[in-house]
C-alpha atoms as a PDB file:
ATOM      1  CA  UNK A   1     139.033 110.519 100.651  1.00  0.00           C
ATOM      2  CA  UNK A   2     138.049 113.868  99.094  1.00  0.00           C
ATOM      3  CA  UNK A   3     135.256 114.983 101.427  1.00  0.00           C
ATOM      4  CA  UNK A   4     134.301 117.956  99.276  1.00  0.00           C
ATOM      5  CA  UNK A   5     133.622 115.694  96.348  1.00  0.00           C
ATOM      6  CA  UNK A   6     131.624 113.338  98.502  1.00  0.00           C
ATOM      7  CA  UNK A   7     129.452 116.112  99.908  1.00  0.00           C
ATOM      8  CA  UNK A   8     128.989 117.561  96.488  1.00  0.00           C
ATOM      9  CA  UNK A   9     127.847 114.170  95.125  1.00  0.00           C
ATOM     10  CA  UNK A  10     125.344 113.907  98.023  1.00  0.00           C
ATOM     11  CA  UNK A  11     124.202 117.406  97.552  1.00  0.00           C
ATOM     12  CA  UNK A  12     123.555 116.727  93.786  1.00  0.00           C
ATOM     13  CA  UNK A  13     121.225 113.839  94.714  1.00  0.00           C
ATOM     14  CA  UNK A  14     119.498 115.506  97.599  1.00  0.00           C
ATOM     15  CA  UNK A  15     116.422 116.615  95.616  1.00  0.00           C
ATOM     16  CA  UNK A  16     114.615 113.885  97.569  1.00  0.00           C
ATOM     17  CA  UNK A  17     115.366 111.674 100.499  1.00  0.00           C
ATOM     18  CA  UNK A  18     115.033 108.591  98.320  1.00  0.00           C
ATOM     19  CA  UNK A  19     117.633 109.722  95.776  1.00  0.00           C
ATOM     20  CA  UNK A  20     120.086 110.871  98.555  1.00  0.00           C
ATOM     21  CA  UNK A  21     119.898 107.434 100.265  1.00  0.00           C
ATOM     22  CA  UNK A  22     120.333 105.665  97.052  1.00  0.00           C
ATOM     23  CA  UNK A  23     123.648 107.664  96.646  1.00  0.00           C
ATOM     24  CA  UNK A  24     124.611 106.725 100.154  1.00  0.00           C
ATOM     25  CA  UNK A  25     124.226 103.048  99.317  1.00  0.00           C
ATOM     26  CA  UNK A  26     126.673 103.492  96.436  1.00  0.00           C
ATOM     27  CA  UNK A  27     129.482 104.682  98.768  1.00  0.00           C
ATOM     28  CA  UNK A  28     131.920 102.554 100.817  1.00  0.00           C
ATOM     29  CA  UNK A  29     130.909 101.929 104.419  1.00  0.00           C
ATOM     30  CA  UNK A  30     133.667 104.114 105.986  1.00  0.00           C
ATOM     31  CA  UNK A  31     132.665 106.974 103.661  1.00  0.00           C
ATOM     32  CA  UNK A  32     128.957 106.559 104.714  1.00  0.00           C
ATOM     33  CA  UNK A  33     130.057 106.719 108.360  1.00  0.00           C
ATOM     34  CA  UNK A  34     132.228 109.782 107.754  1.00  0.00           C
ATOM     35  CA  UNK A  35     129.504 111.611 105.898  1.00  0.00           C
ATOM     36  CA  UNK A  36     126.909 110.880 108.602  1.00  0.00           C
ATOM     37  CA  UNK A  37     129.309 111.883 111.382  1.00  0.00           C
ATOM     38  CA  UNK A  38     129.275 115.509 110.270  1.00  0.00           C
ATOM     39  CA  UNK A  39     127.810 117.389 107.294  1.00  0.00           C
ATOM     40  CA  UNK A  40     129.096 120.964 106.882  1.00  0.00           C
ATOM     41  CA  UNK A  41     126.538 123.796 106.871  1.00  0.00           C
ATOM     42  CA  UNK A  42     127.220 124.637 103.231  1.00  0.00           C
ATOM     43  CA  UNK A  43     125.305 121.482 102.215  1.00  0.00           C
ATOM     44  CA  UNK A  44     121.855 122.314 103.776  1.00  0.00           C
ATOM     45  CA  UNK A  45     119.884 119.885 101.608  1.00  0.00           C
ATOM     46  CA  UNK A  46     122.007 116.996 102.725  1.00  0.00           C
ATOM     47  CA  UNK A  47     121.753 118.055 106.389  1.00  0.00           C
ATOM     48  CA  UNK A  48     118.060 118.332 106.079  1.00  0.00           C
ATOM     49  CA  UNK A  49     117.609 114.658 105.035  1.00  0.00           C
ATOM     50  CA  UNK A  50     120.147 113.013 107.380  1.00  0.00           C
ATOM     51  CA  UNK A  51     119.768 112.463 111.099  1.00  0.00           C
ATOM     52  CA  UNK A  52     121.793 114.632 113.501  1.00  0.00           C
ATOM     53  CA  UNK A  53     124.748 113.092 115.174  1.00  0.00           C
ATOM     54  CA  UNK A  54     124.618 112.488 118.982  1.00  0.00           C
ATOM     55  CA  UNK A  55     126.716 114.740 121.104  1.00  0.00           C
ATOM     56  CA  UNK A  56     130.137 113.585 122.311  1.00  0.00           C
ATOM     57  CA  UNK A  57     128.638 113.394 125.897  1.00  0.00           C
ATOM     58  CA  UNK A  58     125.869 111.089 124.738  1.00  0.00           C
ATOM     59  CA  UNK A  59     128.290 108.876 122.786  1.00  0.00           C
ATOM     60  CA  UNK A  60     130.582 108.628 125.829  1.00  0.00           C
ATOM     61  CA  UNK A  61     127.681 107.879 128.255  1.00  0.00           C
ATOM     62  CA  UNK A  62     126.208 105.101 126.112  1.00  0.00           C
ATOM     63  CA  UNK A  63     129.424 103.481 124.791  1.00  0.00           C
ATOM     64  CA  UNK A  64     132.474 104.811 126.682  1.00  0.00           C
ATOM     65  CA  UNK A  65     133.925 106.237 123.471  1.00  0.00           C
ATOM     66  CA  UNK A  66     133.062 108.928 121.010  1.00  0.00           C
ATOM     67  CA  UNK A  67     134.063 110.651 117.708  1.00  0.00           C
ATOM     68  CA  UNK A  68     136.238 108.862 115.183  1.00  0.00           C
ATOM     69  CA  UNK A  69     137.541 106.086 117.554  1.00  0.00           C
ATOM     70  CA  UNK A  70     133.912 105.019 118.016  1.00  0.00           C
ATOM     71  CA  UNK A  71     133.096 105.442 114.360  1.00  0.00           C
ATOM     72  CA  UNK A  72     136.066 103.253 113.365  1.00  0.00           C
ATOM     73  CA  UNK A  73     134.922 100.515 115.833  1.00  0.00           C
ATOM     74  CA  UNK A  74     131.396 100.799 114.421  1.00  0.00           C
ATOM     75  CA  UNK A  75     132.474 100.571 110.828  1.00  0.00           C
ATOM     76  CA  UNK A  76     134.560  97.490 111.619  1.00  0.00           C
ATOM     77  CA  UNK A  77     131.639  95.714 113.208  1.00  0.00           C
ATOM     78  CA  UNK A  78     129.382  96.561 110.237  1.00  0.00           C
ATOM     79  CA  UNK A  79     131.983  95.269 107.797  1.00  0.00           C
ATOM     80  CA  UNK A  80     132.006  92.039 109.834  1.00  0.00           C
ATOM     81  CA  UNK A  81     128.269  91.839 109.555  1.00  0.00           C
ATOM     82  CA  UNK A  82     128.369  92.278 105.827  1.00  0.00           C
ATOM     83  CA  UNK A  83     131.001  89.630 105.273  1.00  0.00           C
ATOM     84  CA  UNK A  84     129.523  87.044 107.636  1.00  0.00           C
ATOM     85  CA  UNK A  85     125.971  87.585 106.381  1.00  0.00           C
ATOM     86  CA  UNK A  86     127.093  86.394 102.974  1.00  0.00           C
ATOM     87  CA  UNK A  87     129.336  83.603 104.545  1.00  0.00           C
ATOM     88  CA  UNK A  88     126.480  82.120 106.467  1.00  0.00           C
ATOM     89  CA  UNK A  89     123.452  82.822 104.281  1.00  0.00           C
ATOM     90  CA  UNK A  90     124.934  82.894 100.801  1.00  0.00           C
ATOM     91  CA  UNK A  91     123.116  86.194 100.167  1.00  0.00           C
ATOM     92  CA  UNK A  92     124.056  89.797  99.975  1.00  0.00           C
ATOM     93  CA  UNK A  93     123.108  92.041 102.915  1.00  0.00           C
ATOM     94  CA  UNK A  94     121.873  94.700 100.438  1.00  0.00           C
ATOM     95  CA  UNK A  95     118.078  95.348 100.536  1.00  0.00           C
ATOM     96  CA  UNK A  96     117.440  93.088 103.509  1.00  0.00           C
ATOM     97  CA  UNK A  97     115.183  93.800 106.583  1.00  0.00           C
ATOM     98  CA  UNK A  98     117.415  94.521 109.560  1.00  0.00           C
ATOM     99  CA  UNK A  99     116.761  94.875 113.275  1.00  0.00           C
ATOM    100  CA  UNK A 100     119.161  96.576 115.707  1.00  0.00           C
ATOM    101  CA  UNK A 101     118.237  94.972 119.002  1.00  0.00           C
ATOM    102  CA  UNK A 102     119.343  97.346 121.722  1.00  0.00           C
ATOM    103  CA  UNK A 103     119.894 100.243 119.353  1.00  0.00           C
ATOM    104  CA  UNK A 104     120.851 102.917 122.002  1.00  0.00           C
ATOM    105  CA  UNK A 105     121.129 106.275 120.244  1.00  0.00           C
ATOM    106  CA  UNK A 106     121.344 104.712 116.833  1.00  0.00           C
ATOM    107  CA  UNK A 107     124.994 104.728 115.992  1.00  0.00           C
ATOM    108  CA  UNK A 108     124.818 101.458 114.093  1.00  0.00           C
ATOM    109  CA  UNK A 109     121.456 102.045 112.523  1.00  0.00           C
ATOM    110  CA  UNK A 110     123.053 105.051 110.706  1.00  0.00           C
ATOM    111  CA  UNK A 111     125.523 102.755 109.058  1.00  0.00           C
ATOM    112  CA  UNK A 112     122.816 100.313 107.901  1.00  0.00           C
ATOM    113  CA  UNK A 113     121.845 103.054 105.402  1.00  0.00           C
ATOM    114  CA  UNK A 114     124.713 101.752 103.411  1.00  0.00           C
ATOM    115  CA  UNK A 115     122.846  98.514 102.743  1.00  0.00           C
ATOM    116  CA  UNK A 116     119.095  99.021 102.694  1.00  0.00           C
ATOM    117  CA  UNK A 117     116.375 101.697 102.656  1.00  0.00           C
ATOM    118  CA  UNK A 118     115.271 103.237 105.952  1.00  0.00           C
ATOM    119  CA  UNK A 119     111.816 101.570 105.664  1.00  0.00           C
ATOM    120  CA  UNK A 120     113.525  98.156 106.081  1.00  0.00           C
ATOM    121  CA  UNK A 121     115.582  99.267 109.104  1.00  0.00           C
ATOM    122  CA  UNK A 122     114.278  98.774 112.565  1.00  0.00           C
ATOM    123  CA  UNK A 123     115.553  99.440 116.037  1.00  0.00           C
ATOM    124  CA  UNK A 124     114.350  98.747 119.564  1.00  0.00           C
ATOM    125  CA  UNK A 125     115.694  99.489 123.089  1.00  0.00           C
ATOM    126  CA  UNK A 126     114.116  99.113 126.507  1.00  0.00           C
ATOM    127  CA  UNK A 127     115.514 102.497 127.722  1.00  0.00           C
ATOM    128  CA  UNK A 128     113.167 105.364 127.006  1.00  0.00           C
ATOM    129  CA  UNK A 129     116.050 107.792 126.935  1.00  0.00           C
ATOM    130  CA  UNK A 130     117.575 105.858 123.911  1.00  0.00           C
ATOM    131  CA  UNK A 131     114.343 106.026 122.015  1.00  0.00           C
ATOM    132  CA  UNK A 132     114.013 109.773 122.833  1.00  0.00           C
ATOM    133  CA  UNK A 133     117.514 110.386 121.453  1.00  0.00           C
ATOM    134  CA  UNK A 134     116.634 108.533 118.285  1.00  0.00           C
ATOM    135  CA  UNK A 135     113.479 110.575 117.758  1.00  0.00           C
ATOM    136  CA  UNK A 136     115.301 113.881 118.703  1.00  0.00           C
ATOM    137  CA  UNK A 137     117.916 113.191 116.010  1.00  0.00           C
ATOM    138  CA  UNK A 138     115.248 112.380 113.374  1.00  0.00           C
ATOM    139  CA  UNK A 139     116.798 108.925 112.920  1.00  0.00           C
ATOM    140  CA  UNK A 140     115.133 107.298 109.955  1.00  0.00           C
ATOM    141  CA  UNK A 141     113.775 103.845 110.427  1.00  0.00           C
ATOM    142  CA  UNK A 142     111.147 102.230 112.591  1.00  0.00           C
ATOM    143  CA  UNK A 143     112.291 102.786 116.189  1.00  0.00           C
ATOM    144  CA  UNK A 144     110.207 101.492 119.128  1.00  0.00           C
ATOM    145  CA  UNK A 145     110.684 100.847 122.811  1.00  0.00           C
ATOM    146  CA  UNK A 146     111.019  97.174 123.892  1.00  0.00           C
ATOM    147  CA  UNK A 147     110.948  95.468 127.256  1.00  0.00           C
ATOM    148  CA  UNK A 148     113.795  94.412 129.511  1.00  0.00           C
ATOM    149  CA  UNK A 149     112.219  90.977 129.680  1.00  0.00           C
ATOM    150  CA  UNK A 150     110.543  90.733 126.312  1.00  0.00           C
ATOM    151  CA  UNK A 151     107.971  88.085 125.342  1.00  0.00           C
ATOM    152  CA  UNK A 152     107.547  89.813 121.867  1.00  0.00           C
ATOM    153  CA  UNK A 153     109.069  92.673 119.917  1.00  0.00           C
ATOM    154  CA  UNK A 154     107.224  95.875 119.031  1.00  0.00           C
ATOM    155  CA  UNK A 155     107.092  94.902 115.406  1.00  0.00           C
ATOM    156  CA  UNK A 156     103.993  92.735 114.799  1.00  0.00           C
ATOM    157  CA  UNK A 157     104.191  90.438 111.727  1.00  0.00           C
ATOM    158  CA  UNK A 158     107.709  91.453 110.764  1.00  0.00           C
ATOM    159  CA  UNK A 159     110.347  88.836 109.949  1.00  0.00           C
ATOM    160  CA  UNK A 160     113.971  90.063 109.868  1.00  0.00           C
ATOM    161  CA  UNK A 161     116.731  88.829 107.602  1.00  0.00           C
ATOM    162  CA  UNK A 162     119.374  90.080 110.057  1.00  0.00           C
ATOM    163  CA  UNK A 163     119.119  90.871 113.772  1.00  0.00           C
ATOM    164  CA  UNK A 164     122.269  92.159 115.577  1.00  0.00           C
ATOM    165  CA  UNK A 165     122.850  93.116 119.128  1.00  0.00           C
ATOM    166  CA  UNK A 166     126.180  94.833 119.731  1.00  0.00           C
ATOM    167  CA  UNK A 167     127.276  95.161 123.452  1.00  0.00           C
ATOM    168  CA  UNK A 168     123.835  94.118 124.616  1.00  0.00           C
ATOM    169  CA  UNK A 169     124.283  90.440 125.845  1.00  0.00           C
ATOM    170  CA  UNK A 170     127.525  91.691 127.519  1.00  0.00           C
ATOM    171  CA  UNK A 171     125.206  93.378 130.025  1.00  0.00           C
ATOM    172  CA  UNK A 172     122.162  91.162 130.465  1.00  0.00           C
ATOM    173  CA  UNK A 173     121.292  88.792 133.286  1.00  0.00           C
ATOM    174  CA  UNK A 174     120.743  85.221 132.370  1.00  0.00           C
ATOM    175  CA  UNK A 175     116.897  85.719 132.620  1.00  0.00           C
ATOM    176  CA  UNK A 176     117.007  88.754 130.413  1.00  0.00           C
ATOM    177  CA  UNK A 177     119.222  87.015 127.786  1.00  0.00           C
ATOM    178  CA  UNK A 178     116.900  84.019 127.635  1.00  0.00           C
ATOM    179  CA  UNK A 179     113.951  86.317 127.171  1.00  0.00           C
ATOM    180  CA  UNK A 180     115.751  88.264 124.409  1.00  0.00           C
ATOM    181  CA  UNK A 181     116.804  85.202 122.459  1.00  0.00           C
ATOM    182  CA  UNK A 182     113.344  83.661 122.679  1.00  0.00           C
ATOM    183  CA  UNK A 183     111.665  86.866 121.521  1.00  0.00           C
ATOM    184  CA  UNK A 184     114.064  87.458 118.647  1.00  0.00           C
ATOM    185  CA  UNK A 185     113.703  83.858 117.464  1.00  0.00           C
ATOM    186  CA  UNK A 186     110.018  84.550 116.804  1.00  0.00           C
ATOM    187  CA  UNK A 187     110.881  87.442 114.551  1.00  0.00           C
ATOM    188  CA  UNK A 188     113.755  86.136 112.443  1.00  0.00           C
ATOM    189  CA  UNK A 189     113.183  84.757 108.919  1.00  0.00           C
ATOM    190  CA  UNK A 190     113.764  81.027 108.543  1.00  0.00           C
ATOM    191  CA  UNK A 191     116.967  81.738 106.462  1.00  0.00           C
ATOM    192  CA  UNK A 192     117.990  84.760 108.627  1.00  0.00           C
ATOM    193  CA  UNK A 193     121.001  85.453 110.701  1.00  0.00           C
ATOM    194  CA  UNK A 194     121.562  86.834 114.187  1.00  0.00           C
ATOM    195  CA  UNK A 195     124.733  88.345 115.434  1.00  0.00           C
ATOM    196  CA  UNK A 196     125.475  89.110 119.145  1.00  0.00           C
ATOM    197  CA  UNK A 197     128.541  90.178 120.972  1.00  0.00           C
ATOM    198  CA  UNK A 198     129.530  88.437 124.206  1.00  0.00           C
ATOM    199  CA  UNK A 199     132.443  88.754 126.604  1.00  0.00           C
ATOM    200  CA  UNK A 200     134.926  85.883 127.171  1.00  0.00           C
ATOM    201  CA  UNK A 201     135.878  84.576 130.606  1.00  0.00           C
ATOM    202  CA  UNK A 202     139.093  86.623 130.559  1.00  0.00           C
ATOM    203  CA  UNK A 203     137.004  89.791 130.560  1.00  0.00           C
ATOM    204  CA  UNK A 204     136.602  89.806 134.423  1.00  0.00           C
ATOM    205  CA  UNK A 205     140.260  90.729 135.143  1.00  0.00           C
ATOM    206  CA  UNK A 206     139.974  93.558 132.619  1.00  0.00           C
ATOM    207  CA  UNK A 207     136.801  94.772 134.218  1.00  0.00           C
ATOM    208  CA  UNK A 208     138.527  95.689 137.443  1.00  0.00           C
ATOM    209  CA  UNK A 209     141.196  97.623 135.540  1.00  0.00           C
ATOM    210  CA  UNK A 210     138.768  99.924 133.792  1.00  0.00           C
ATOM    211  CA  UNK A 211     135.523 100.049 135.726  1.00  0.00           C
ATOM    212  CA  UNK A 212     134.912 101.925 138.990  1.00  0.00           C
ATOM    213  CA  UNK A 213     132.520  99.163 140.213  1.00  0.00           C
ATOM    214  CA  UNK A 214     134.806  96.377 141.263  1.00  0.00           C
ATOM    215  CA  UNK A 215     133.838  92.698 141.180  1.00  0.00           C
ATOM    216  CA  UNK A 216     135.170  89.382 142.509  1.00  0.00           C
ATOM    217  CA  UNK A 217     136.874  88.454 139.223  1.00  0.00           C
ATOM    218  CA  UNK A 218     137.985  85.009 140.441  1.00  0.00           C
ATOM    219  CA  UNK A 219     134.466  84.071 141.527  1.00  0.00           C
ATOM    220  CA  UNK A 220     132.937  85.285 138.266  1.00  0.00           C
ATOM    221  CA  UNK A 221     135.545  83.440 136.224  1.00  0.00           C
ATOM    222  CA  UNK A 222     134.799  80.300 138.128  1.00  0.00           C
ATOM    223  CA  UNK A 223     131.034  80.746 137.589  1.00  0.00           C
ATOM    224  CA  UNK A 224     131.691  81.198 133.827  1.00  0.00           C
ATOM    225  CA  UNK A 225     133.844  78.025 133.853  1.00  0.00           C
ATOM    226  CA  UNK A 226     131.304  75.941 135.694  1.00  0.00           C
ATOM    227  CA  UNK A 227     128.032  77.272 134.289  1.00  0.00           C
ATOM    228  CA  UNK A 228     128.957  79.041 131.107  1.00  0.00           C
ATOM    229  CA  UNK A 229     127.267  82.314 132.267  1.00  0.00           C
ATOM    230  CA  UNK A 230     128.530  84.800 134.751  1.00  0.00           C
ATOM    231  CA  UNK A 231     126.619  87.947 135.665  1.00  0.00           C
ATOM    232  CA  UNK A 232     127.317  90.867 138.048  1.00  0.00           C
ATOM    233  CA  UNK A 233     124.495  93.332 138.542  1.00  0.00           C
ATOM    234  CA  UNK A 234     125.121  97.072 138.587  1.00  0.00           C
ATOM    235  CA  UNK A 235     122.126  97.433 140.911  1.00  0.00           C
ATOM    236  CA  UNK A 236     120.363  99.963 138.623  1.00  0.00           C
ATOM    237  CA  UNK A 237     117.686  98.003 136.839  1.00  0.00           C
ATOM    238  CA  UNK A 238     115.426  95.335 138.330  1.00  0.00           C
ATOM    239  CA  UNK A 239     112.231  93.755 137.170  1.00  0.00           C
ATOM    240  CA  UNK A 240     109.963  92.162 139.785  1.00  0.00           C
ATOM    241  CA  UNK A 241     112.927  92.369 142.227  1.00  0.00           C
ATOM    242  CA  UNK A 242     115.358  90.572 139.921  1.00  0.00           C
ATOM    243  CA  UNK A 243     118.366  92.480 138.499  1.00  0.00           C
ATOM    244  CA  UNK A 244     118.459  92.377 134.711  1.00  0.00           C
ATOM    245  CA  UNK A 245     121.450  94.612 133.832  1.00  0.00           C
ATOM    246  CA  UNK A 246     125.078  94.835 134.706  1.00  0.00           C
ATOM    247  CA  UNK A 247     128.054  92.943 133.176  1.00  0.00           C
ATOM    248  CA  UNK A 248     128.047  89.373 131.800  1.00  0.00           C
ATOM    249  CA  UNK A 249     130.199  86.719 130.114  1.00  0.00           C
ATOM    250  CA  UNK A 250     128.781  83.797 128.194  1.00  0.00           C
ATOM    251  CA  UNK A 251     130.410  80.707 126.680  1.00  0.00           C
ATOM    252  CA  UNK A 252     129.528  79.115 123.382  1.00  0.00           C
ATOM    253  CA  UNK A 253     128.881  75.819 125.118  1.00  0.00           C
ATOM    254  CA  UNK A 254     126.232  77.516 127.235  1.00  0.00           C
ATOM    255  CA  UNK A 255     124.512  78.906 124.111  1.00  0.00           C
ATOM    256  CA  UNK A 256     124.499  75.468 122.471  1.00  0.00           C
ATOM    257  CA  UNK A 257     123.073  73.905 125.594  1.00  0.00           C
ATOM    258  CA  UNK A 258     120.603  76.536 126.828  1.00  0.00           C
ATOM    259  CA  UNK A 259     119.378  78.158 123.519  1.00  0.00           C
ATOM    260  CA  UNK A 260     118.166  75.029 121.580  1.00  0.00           C
ATOM    261  CA  UNK A 261     116.083  77.244 119.284  1.00  0.00           C
ATOM    262  CA  UNK A 262     119.294  78.526 117.819  1.00  0.00           C
ATOM    263  CA  UNK A 263     122.342  77.014 116.155  1.00  0.00           C
ATOM    264  CA  UNK A 264     125.732  78.677 116.655  1.00  0.00           C
ATOM    265  CA  UNK A 265     127.302  78.811 113.140  1.00  0.00           C
ATOM    266  CA  UNK A 266     130.448  80.784 113.743  1.00  0.00           C
ATOM    267  CA  UNK A 267     132.390  83.454 115.675  1.00  0.00           C
ATOM    268  CA  UNK A 268     134.510  86.444 114.794  1.00  0.00           C
ATOM    269  CA  UNK A 269     136.527  89.111 116.546  1.00  0.00           C
ATOM    270  CA  UNK A 270     137.660  92.699 116.097  1.00  0.00           C
ATOM    271  CA  UNK A 271     141.028  94.129 117.187  1.00  0.00           C
ATOM    272  CA  UNK A 272     139.141  97.430 118.037  1.00  0.00           C
ATOM    273  CA  UNK A 273     137.576  95.638 121.026  1.00  0.00           C
ATOM    274  CA  UNK A 274     139.084  92.348 122.087  1.00  0.00           C
ATOM    275  CA  UNK A 275     136.453  91.723 124.673  1.00  0.00           C
ATOM    276  CA  UNK A 276     133.582  91.773 122.231  1.00  0.00           C
ATOM    277  CA  UNK A 277     133.390  88.299 120.649  1.00  0.00           C
ATOM    278  CA  UNK A 278     130.901  88.239 117.788  1.00  0.00           C
ATOM    279  CA  UNK A 279     128.772  85.117 117.654  1.00  0.00           C
ATOM    280  CA  UNK A 280     126.630  84.236 114.624  1.00  0.00           C
ATOM    281  CA  UNK A 281     123.471  82.225 115.060  1.00  0.00           C
ATOM    282  CA  UNK A 282     120.835  80.799 112.816  1.00  0.00           C
ATOM    283  CA  UNK A 283     117.375  79.401 113.602  1.00  0.00           C
ATOM    284  CA  UNK A 284     117.566  75.753 114.597  1.00  0.00           C
END
């Protein structure tokens, strides 16, 4: 990858935001990610049109990783989305209307610029700090604050071809997950696709190896085995006295039984994070 040639190509098309983003869409996804990660100061027109990258501290605080390790994980997930969108819908992901549910500081939204124009890219998150970071970075797209227990999304009348939620349902209480899936169902196109990541039962042993907040792994694994859903609150966020955020694992059987408005059509995995099982769902 010759970065100088890539930046020069972007600079040559930077007479307008529209022409620059059209050039971005002609590049491979890893090149798009690399270009958005850092633009040298000698390309001021490119820098002026693209969102600023979040600081390493922000990246670590939101995801537990930063820099190129995080970028490579992000690109792997996006390639997975692209491949499976075609697999399950028979259509290209290009020029579709896309929602990042739980967008954080916008790391994956940036990569969606590879596929579609910013006016077709949406993001929502219940944490006001996430939305503030997106605005501060001048992230392009329609970015709005949502609710922890949503009954609707902040995008009236919009139907999405693709909704994805990376490392969102890995943290939601059962009540919050039900609310999110019900709300998203109202906003997905009849031939659309939703992708969520969930944790397997085996996650709970790993949790105690890497997290300062310890849990009763055996109890949570048993709960997952018996009910299909295990949740441990981190004690930080509650709505009407009920915890809604922490760590969670969900089985496919649970989804099929408890989310009848959705059909599970497939799963996938990434070596970059073995405890993020990607589940693909379509409207039932």
